[in-house]
Amino acid sequence: MSDLDRHKIDFLVALIDEFAKRFGLSNKESYQYISQYGGVQMFFNHYDILHTLSFRDMVDGMAAFCHRHGGKLV
């Protein structure tokens, strides 16, 4: 695994943790929710942009993305 791949995964784990805190979920529930509504794939597809945002903005954006794809958290 390359250093960039490891960094992406570490960054995704941090995002999942912040998402969980915001919405009162466990990290497992947070990952499942984000994954179910396409957020994990979106993260990897747009990592170059996402990693320039604050965690607050990333959580807001991920919540909005998942909501547009059927999620109920806002």
PDB file of N, CA and C in Angstrom:
ATOM      1  N   MET A   1       0.854  -1.171   0.000  1.00  0.00           N
ATOM      2  CA  MET A   1       0.000   0.000   0.000  1.00  0.00           C
ATOM      3  C   MET A   1       0.902   1.237   0.000  1.00  0.00           C
ATOM      4  N   SER A   2       0.567   2.171  -0.845  1.00  0.00           N
ATOM      5  CA  SER A   2       1.370   3.390  -0.937  1.00  0.00           C
ATOM      6  C   SER A   2       1.085   4.308   0.251  1.00  0.00           C
ATOM      7  N   ASP A   3       1.977   5.251   0.458  1.00  0.00           N
ATOM      8  CA  ASP A   3       1.779   6.235   1.528  1.00  0.00           C
ATOM      9  C   ASP A   3       0.514   7.048   1.293  1.00  0.00           C
ATOM     10  N   LEU A   4       0.218   7.377   0.031  1.00  0.00           N
ATOM     11  CA  LEU A   4      -0.988   8.142  -0.284  1.00  0.00           C
ATOM     12  C   LEU A   4      -2.237   7.331   0.048  1.00  0.00           C
ATOM     13  N   ASP A   5      -2.238   6.054  -0.293  1.00  0.00           N
ATOM     14  CA  ASP A   5      -3.389   5.209   0.030  1.00  0.00           C
ATOM     15  C   ASP A   5      -3.594   5.124   1.539  1.00  0.00           C
ATOM     16  N   ARG A   6      -2.510   4.980   2.283  1.00  0.00           N
ATOM     17  CA  ARG A   6      -2.588   4.907   3.740  1.00  0.00           C
ATOM     18  C   ARG A   6      -3.137   6.233   4.285  1.00  0.00           C
ATOM     19  N   HIS A   7      -2.676   7.354   3.733  1.00  0.00           N
ATOM     20  CA  HIS A   7      -3.161   8.664   4.175  1.00  0.00           C
ATOM     21  C   HIS A   7      -4.663   8.812   3.890  1.00  0.00           C
ATOM     22  N   LYS A   8      -5.102   8.372   2.719  1.00  0.00           N
ATOM     23  CA  LYS A   8      -6.536   8.450   2.379  1.00  0.00           C
ATOM     24  C   LYS A   8      -7.371   7.656   3.369  1.00  0.00           C
ATOM     25  N   ILE A   9      -6.921   6.451   3.692  1.00  0.00           N
ATOM     26  CA  ILE A   9      -7.662   5.606   4.623  1.00  0.00           C
ATOM     27  C   ILE A   9      -7.691   6.235   6.009  1.00  0.00           C
ATOM     28  N   ASP A  10      -6.555   6.730   6.458  1.00  0.00           N
ATOM     29  CA  ASP A  10      -6.508   7.396   7.763  1.00  0.00           C
ATOM     30  C   ASP A  10      -7.442   8.612   7.794  1.00  0.00           C
ATOM     31  N   PHE A  11      -7.475   9.351   6.705  1.00  0.00           N
ATOM     32  CA  PHE A  11      -8.323  10.531   6.610  1.00  0.00           C
ATOM     33  C   PHE A  11      -9.800  10.137   6.622  1.00  0.00           C
ATOM     34  N   LEU A  12     -10.142   9.051   5.925  1.00  0.00           N
ATOM     35  CA  LEU A  12     -11.518   8.560   5.917  1.00  0.00           C
ATOM     36  C   LEU A  12     -11.930   8.115   7.316  1.00  0.00           C
ATOM     37  N   VAL A  13     -11.044   7.434   8.028  1.00  0.00           N
ATOM     38  CA  VAL A  13     -11.348   7.007   9.396  1.00  0.00           C
ATOM     39  C   VAL A  13     -11.629   8.224  10.275  1.00  0.00           C
ATOM     40  N   ALA A  14     -10.840   9.270  10.137  1.00  0.00           N
ATOM     41  CA  ALA A  14     -11.062  10.489  10.909  1.00  0.00           C
ATOM     42  C   ALA A  14     -12.403  11.131  10.549  1.00  0.00           C
ATOM     43  N   LEU A  15     -12.742  11.142   9.273  1.00  0.00           N
ATOM     44  CA  LEU A  15     -14.028  11.695   8.837  1.00  0.00           C
ATOM     45  C   LEU A  15     -15.183  10.884   9.414  1.00  0.00           C
ATOM     46  N   ILE A  16     -15.073   9.566   9.385  1.00  0.00           N
ATOM     47  CA  ILE A  16     -16.113   8.695   9.947  1.00  0.00           C
ATOM     48  C   ILE A  16     -16.289   8.981  11.430  1.00  0.00           C
ATOM     49  N   ASP A  17     -15.186   9.175  12.140  1.00  0.00           N
ATOM     50  CA  ASP A  17     -15.238   9.484  13.564  1.00  0.00           C
ATOM     51  C   ASP A  17     -15.942  10.818  13.818  1.00  0.00           C
ATOM     52  N   GLU A  18     -15.595  11.835  13.052  1.00  0.00           N
ATOM     53  CA  GLU A  18     -16.239  13.150  13.218  1.00  0.00           C
ATOM     54  C   GLU A  18     -17.722  13.090  12.862  1.00  0.00           C
ATOM     55  N   PHE A  19     -18.068  12.329  11.820  1.00  0.00           N
ATOM     56  CA  PHE A  19     -19.461  12.152  11.421  1.00  0.00           C
ATOM     57  C   PHE A  19     -20.232  11.470  12.554  1.00  0.00           C
ATOM     58  N   ALA A  20     -19.623  10.448  13.139  1.00  0.00           N
ATOM     59  CA  ALA A  20     -20.256   9.727  14.251  1.00  0.00           C
ATOM     60  C   ALA A  20     -20.524  10.658  15.424  1.00  0.00           C
ATOM     61  N   LYS A  21     -19.549  11.475  15.769  1.00  0.00           N
ATOM     62  CA  LYS A  21     -19.711  12.423  16.878  1.00  0.00           C
ATOM     63  C   LYS A  21     -20.836  13.401  16.602  1.00  0.00           C
ATOM     64  N   ARG A  22     -20.882  13.929  15.382  1.00  0.00           N
ATOM     65  CA  ARG A  22     -21.904  14.929  15.026  1.00  0.00           C
ATOM     66  C   ARG A  22     -23.314  14.365  15.159  1.00  0.00           C
ATOM     67  N   PHE A  23     -23.492  13.102  14.745  1.00  0.00           N
ATOM     68  CA  PHE A  23     -24.840  12.542  14.693  1.00  0.00           C
ATOM     69  C   PHE A  23     -25.133  11.528  15.797  1.00  0.00           C
ATOM     70  N   GLY A  24     -24.246  11.416  16.774  1.00  0.00           N
ATOM     71  CA  GLY A  24     -24.499  10.527  17.902  1.00  0.00           C
ATOM     72  C   GLY A  24     -24.516   9.056  17.528  1.00  0.00           C
ATOM     73  N   LEU A  25     -23.649   8.683  16.598  1.00  0.00           N
ATOM     74  CA  LEU A  25     -23.564   7.300  16.138  1.00  0.00           C
ATOM     75  C   LEU A  25     -22.275   6.663  16.639  1.00  0.00           C
ATOM     76  N   SER A  26     -22.240   5.335  16.601  1.00  0.00           N
ATOM     77  CA  SER A  26     -20.963   4.657  16.814  1.00  0.00           C
ATOM     78  C   SER A  26     -20.165   4.789  15.520  1.00  0.00           C
ATOM     79  N   ASN A  27     -18.875   4.542  15.584  1.00  0.00           N
ATOM     80  CA  ASN A  27     -18.074   4.593  14.355  1.00  0.00           C
ATOM     81  C   ASN A  27     -18.549   3.563  13.345  1.00  0.00           C
ATOM     82  N   LYS A  28     -18.969   2.391  13.824  1.00  0.00           N
ATOM     83  CA  LYS A  28     -19.481   1.351  12.930  1.00  0.00           C
ATOM     84  C   LYS A  28     -20.754   1.824  12.237  1.00  0.00           C
ATOM     85  N   GLU A  29     -21.674   2.413  12.988  1.00  0.00           N
ATOM     86  CA  GLU A  29     -22.917   2.926  12.398  1.00  0.00           C
ATOM     87  C   GLU A  29     -22.623   4.044  11.406  1.00  0.00           C
ATOM     88  N   SER A  30     -21.681   4.897  11.755  1.00  0.00           N
ATOM     89  CA  SER A  30     -21.304   5.992  10.868  1.00  0.00           C
ATOM     90  C   SER A  30     -20.763   5.450   9.546  1.00  0.00           C
ATOM     91  N   TYR A  31     -19.842   4.495   9.620  1.00  0.00           N
ATOM     92  CA  TYR A  31     -19.292   3.894   8.394  1.00  0.00           C
ATOM     93  C   TYR A  31     -20.395   3.240   7.573  1.00  0.00           C
ATOM     94  N   GLN A  32     -21.267   2.485   8.222  1.00  0.00           N
ATOM     95  CA  GLN A  32     -22.336   1.800   7.497  1.00  0.00           C
ATOM     96  C   GLN A  32     -23.258   2.789   6.795  1.00  0.00           C
ATOM     97  N   TYR A  33     -23.596   3.871   7.474  1.00  0.00           N
ATOM     98  CA  TYR A  33     -24.471   4.893   6.890  1.00  0.00           C
ATOM     99  C   TYR A  33     -23.799   5.552   5.686  1.00  0.00           C
ATOM    100  N   ILE A  34     -22.572   6.008   5.880  1.00  0.00           N
ATOM    101  CA  ILE A  34     -21.846   6.681   4.801  1.00  0.00           C
ATOM    102  C   ILE A  34     -21.670   5.741   3.612  1.00  0.00           C
ATOM    103  N   SER A  35     -21.340   4.500   3.891  1.00  0.00           N
ATOM    104  CA  SER A  35     -21.151   3.513   2.827  1.00  0.00           C
ATOM    105  C   SER A  35     -22.464   3.215   2.094  1.00  0.00           C
ATOM    106  N   GLN A  36     -23.533   3.044   2.857  1.00  0.00           N
ATOM    107  CA  GLN A  36     -24.836   2.702   2.272  1.00  0.00           C
ATOM    108  C   GLN A  36     -25.299   3.743   1.254  1.00  0.00           C
ATOM    109  N   TYR A  37     -25.004   4.997   1.508  1.00  0.00           N
ATOM    110  CA  TYR A  37     -25.478   6.065   0.629  1.00  0.00           C
ATOM    111  C   TYR A  37     -24.403   6.588  -0.324  1.00  0.00           C
ATOM    112  N   GLY A  38     -23.367   5.809  -0.540  1.00  0.00           N
ATOM    113  CA  GLY A  38     -22.371   6.117  -1.557  1.00  0.00           C
ATOM    114  C   GLY A  38     -21.277   7.073  -1.144  1.00  0.00           C
ATOM    115  N   GLY A  39     -21.218   7.413   0.125  1.00  0.00           N
ATOM    116  CA  GLY A  39     -20.253   8.397   0.583  1.00  0.00           C
ATOM    117  C   GLY A  39     -18.809   7.933   0.544  1.00  0.00           C
ATOM    118  N   VAL A  40     -18.565   6.651   0.769  1.00  0.00           N
ATOM    119  CA  VAL A  40     -17.186   6.155   0.745  1.00  0.00           C
ATOM    120  C   VAL A  40     -16.622   6.278  -0.667  1.00  0.00           C
ATOM    121  N   GLN A  41     -17.395   5.855  -1.646  1.00  0.00           N
ATOM    122  CA  GLN A  41     -16.935   5.962  -3.033  1.00  0.00           C
ATOM    123  C   GLN A  41     -16.756   7.424  -3.428  1.00  0.00           C
ATOM    124  N   MET A  42     -17.688   8.277  -3.006  1.00  0.00           N
ATOM    125  CA  MET A  42     -17.566   9.700  -3.302  1.00  0.00           C
ATOM    126  C   MET A  42     -16.293  10.258  -2.669  1.00  0.00           C
ATOM    127  N   PHE A  43     -15.981   9.827  -1.443  1.00  0.00           N
ATOM    128  CA  PHE A  43     -14.770  10.280  -0.763  1.00  0.00           C
ATOM    129  C   PHE A  43     -13.532   9.958  -1.596  1.00  0.00           C
ATOM    130  N   PHE A  44     -13.418   8.720  -2.042  1.00  0.00           N
ATOM    131  CA  PHE A  44     -12.231   8.341  -2.816  1.00  0.00           C
ATOM    132  C   PHE A  44     -12.204   9.010  -4.185  1.00  0.00           C
ATOM    133  N   ASN A  45     -13.371   9.214  -4.780  1.00  0.00           N
ATOM    134  CA  ASN A  45     -13.426   9.879  -6.084  1.00  0.00           C
ATOM    135  C   ASN A  45     -13.029  11.352  -6.002  1.00  0.00           C
ATOM    136  N   HIS A  46     -13.287  11.981  -4.870  1.00  0.00           N
ATOM    137  CA  HIS A  46     -13.073  13.424  -4.731  1.00  0.00           C
ATOM    138  C   HIS A  46     -12.116  13.777  -3.600  1.00  0.00           C
ATOM    139  N   TYR A  47     -11.271  12.844  -3.237  1.00  0.00           N
ATOM    140  CA  TYR A  47     -10.325  13.058  -2.141  1.00  0.00           C
ATOM    141  C   TYR A  47      -9.479  14.315  -2.354  1.00  0.00           C
ATOM    142  N   ASP A  48      -9.042  14.547  -3.583  1.00  0.00           N
ATOM    143  CA  ASP A  48      -8.174  15.699  -3.862  1.00  0.00           C
ATOM    144  C   ASP A  48      -8.805  17.019  -3.431  1.00  0.00           C
ATOM    145  N   ILE A  49     -10.112  17.098  -3.488  1.00  0.00           N
ATOM    146  CA  ILE A  49     -10.811  18.309  -3.057  1.00  0.00           C
ATOM    147  C   ILE A  49     -11.151  18.227  -1.571  1.00  0.00           C
ATOM    148  N   LEU A  50     -11.669  17.086  -1.152  1.00  0.00           N
ATOM    149  CA  LEU A  50     -12.143  16.944   0.221  1.00  0.00           C
ATOM    150  C   LEU A  50     -11.058  17.191   1.262  1.00  0.00           C
ATOM    151  N   HIS A  51      -9.842  16.744   0.982  1.00  0.00           N
ATOM    152  CA  HIS A  51      -8.805  16.882   2.013  1.00  0.00           C
ATOM    153  C   HIS A  51      -8.365  18.331   2.222  1.00  0.00           C
ATOM    154  N   THR A  52      -8.855  19.244   1.377  1.00  0.00           N
ATOM    155  CA  THR A  52      -8.535  20.657   1.562  1.00  0.00           C
ATOM    156  C   THR A  52      -9.569  21.368   2.446  1.00  0.00           C
ATOM    157  N   LEU A  53     -10.654  20.693   2.781  1.00  0.00           N
ATOM    158  CA  LEU A  53     -11.728  21.277   3.579  1.00  0.00           C
ATOM    159  C   LEU A  53     -11.510  21.012   5.066  1.00  0.00           C
ATOM    160  N   SER A  54     -12.179  21.772   5.895  1.00  0.00           N
ATOM    161  CA  SER A  54     -12.173  21.487   7.330  1.00  0.00           C
ATOM    162  C   SER A  54     -13.031  20.248   7.578  1.00  0.00           C
ATOM    163  N   PHE A  55     -12.818  19.607   8.722  1.00  0.00           N
ATOM    164  CA  PHE A  55     -13.646  18.442   9.039  1.00  0.00           C
ATOM    165  C   PHE A  55     -15.113  18.840   9.164  1.00  0.00           C
ATOM    166  N   ARG A  56     -15.375  20.000   9.694  1.00  0.00           N
ATOM    167  CA  ARG A  56     -16.761  20.467   9.809  1.00  0.00           C
ATOM    168  C   ARG A  56     -17.409  20.552   8.421  1.00  0.00           C
ATOM    169  N   ASP A  57     -16.698  21.151   7.466  1.00  0.00           N
ATOM    170  CA  ASP A  57     -17.229  21.254   6.106  1.00  0.00           C
ATOM    171  C   ASP A  57     -17.367  19.885   5.450  1.00  0.00           C
ATOM    172  N   MET A  58     -16.420  18.994   5.721  1.00  0.00           N
ATOM    173  CA  MET A  58     -16.514  17.648   5.144  1.00  0.00           C
ATOM    174  C   MET A  58     -17.702  16.883   5.716  1.00  0.00           C
ATOM    175  N   VAL A  59     -17.925  16.997   7.016  1.00  0.00           N
ATOM    176  CA  VAL A  59     -19.070  16.324   7.624  1.00  0.00           C
ATOM    177  C   VAL A  59     -20.366  16.906   7.071  1.00  0.00           C
ATOM    178  N   ASP A  60     -20.448  18.221   6.972  1.00  0.00           N
ATOM    179  CA  ASP A  60     -21.634  18.859   6.383  1.00  0.00           C
ATOM    180  C   ASP A  60     -21.859  18.370   4.957  1.00  0.00           C
ATOM    181  N   GLY A  61     -20.789  18.346   4.173  1.00  0.00           N
ATOM    182  CA  GLY A  61     -20.894  17.902   2.784  1.00  0.00           C
ATOM    183  C   GLY A  61     -21.267  16.441   2.668  1.00  0.00           C
ATOM    184  N   MET A  62     -20.687  15.602   3.527  1.00  0.00           N
ATOM    185  CA  MET A  62     -21.011  14.175   3.489  1.00  0.00           C
ATOM    186  C   MET A  62     -22.462  13.948   3.888  1.00  0.00           C
ATOM    187  N   ALA A  63     -22.934  14.665   4.895  1.00  0.00           N
ATOM    188  CA  ALA A  63     -24.326  14.542   5.315  1.00  0.00           C
ATOM    189  C   ALA A  63     -25.262  14.958   4.180  1.00  0.00           C
ATOM    190  N   ALA A  64     -24.943  16.055   3.509  1.00  0.00           N
ATOM    191  CA  ALA A  64     -25.773  16.521   2.387  1.00  0.00           C
ATOM    192  C   ALA A  64     -25.740  15.520   1.237  1.00  0.00           C
ATOM    193  N   PHE A  65     -24.558  14.993   0.925  1.00  0.00           N
ATOM    194  CA  PHE A  65     -24.429  14.003  -0.149  1.00  0.00           C
ATOM    195  C   PHE A  65     -25.274  12.767   0.159  1.00  0.00           C
ATOM    196  N   CYS A  66     -25.127  12.238   1.375  1.00  0.00           N
ATOM    197  CA  CYS A  66     -25.886  11.042   1.748  1.00  0.00           C
ATOM    198  C   CYS A  66     -27.383  11.323   1.750  1.00  0.00           C
ATOM    199  N   HIS A  67     -27.773  12.514   2.218  1.00  0.00           N
ATOM    200  CA  HIS A  67     -29.186  12.889   2.223  1.00  0.00           C
ATOM    201  C   HIS A  67     -29.744  12.906   0.802  1.00  0.00           C
ATOM    202  N   ARG A  68     -28.981  13.441  -0.144  1.00  0.00           N
ATOM    203  CA  ARG A  68     -29.433  13.462  -1.551  1.00  0.00           C
ATOM    204  C   ARG A  68     -29.548  12.061  -2.141  1.00  0.00           C
ATOM    205  N   HIS A  69     -28.893  11.098  -1.519  1.00  0.00           N
ATOM    206  CA  HIS A  69     -28.928   9.713  -2.004  1.00  0.00           C
ATOM    207  C   HIS A  69     -29.773   8.814  -1.114  1.00  0.00           C
ATOM    208  N   GLY A  70     -30.678   9.425  -0.343  1.00  0.00           N
ATOM    209  CA  GLY A  70     -31.652   8.661   0.421  1.00  0.00           C
ATOM    210  C   GLY A  70     -31.451   8.619   1.921  1.00  0.00           C
ATOM    211  N   GLY A  71     -30.367   9.169   2.427  1.00  0.00           N
ATOM    212  CA  GLY A  71     -30.116   9.160   3.866  1.00  0.00           C
ATOM    213  C   GLY A  71     -31.056  10.100   4.591  1.00  0.00           C
ATOM    214  N   LYS A  72     -31.273   9.830   5.858  1.00  0.00           N
ATOM    215  CA  LYS A  72     -32.224  10.622   6.648  1.00  0.00           C
ATOM    216  C   LYS A  72     -31.556  11.636   7.572  1.00  0.00           C
ATOM    217  N   LEU A  73     -30.238  11.527   7.774  1.00  0.00           N
ATOM    218  CA  LEU A  73     -29.549  12.474   8.653  1.00  0.00           C
ATOM    219  C   LEU A  73     -29.264  13.770   7.913  1.00  0.00           C
ATOM    220  N   VAL A  74     -29.484  14.874   8.593  1.00  0.00           N
ATOM    221  CA  VAL A  74     -29.208  16.188   7.997  1.00  0.00           C
ATOM    222  C   VAL A  74     -28.553  17.065   9.041  1.00  0.00           C
TER     223      VAL A  74
END
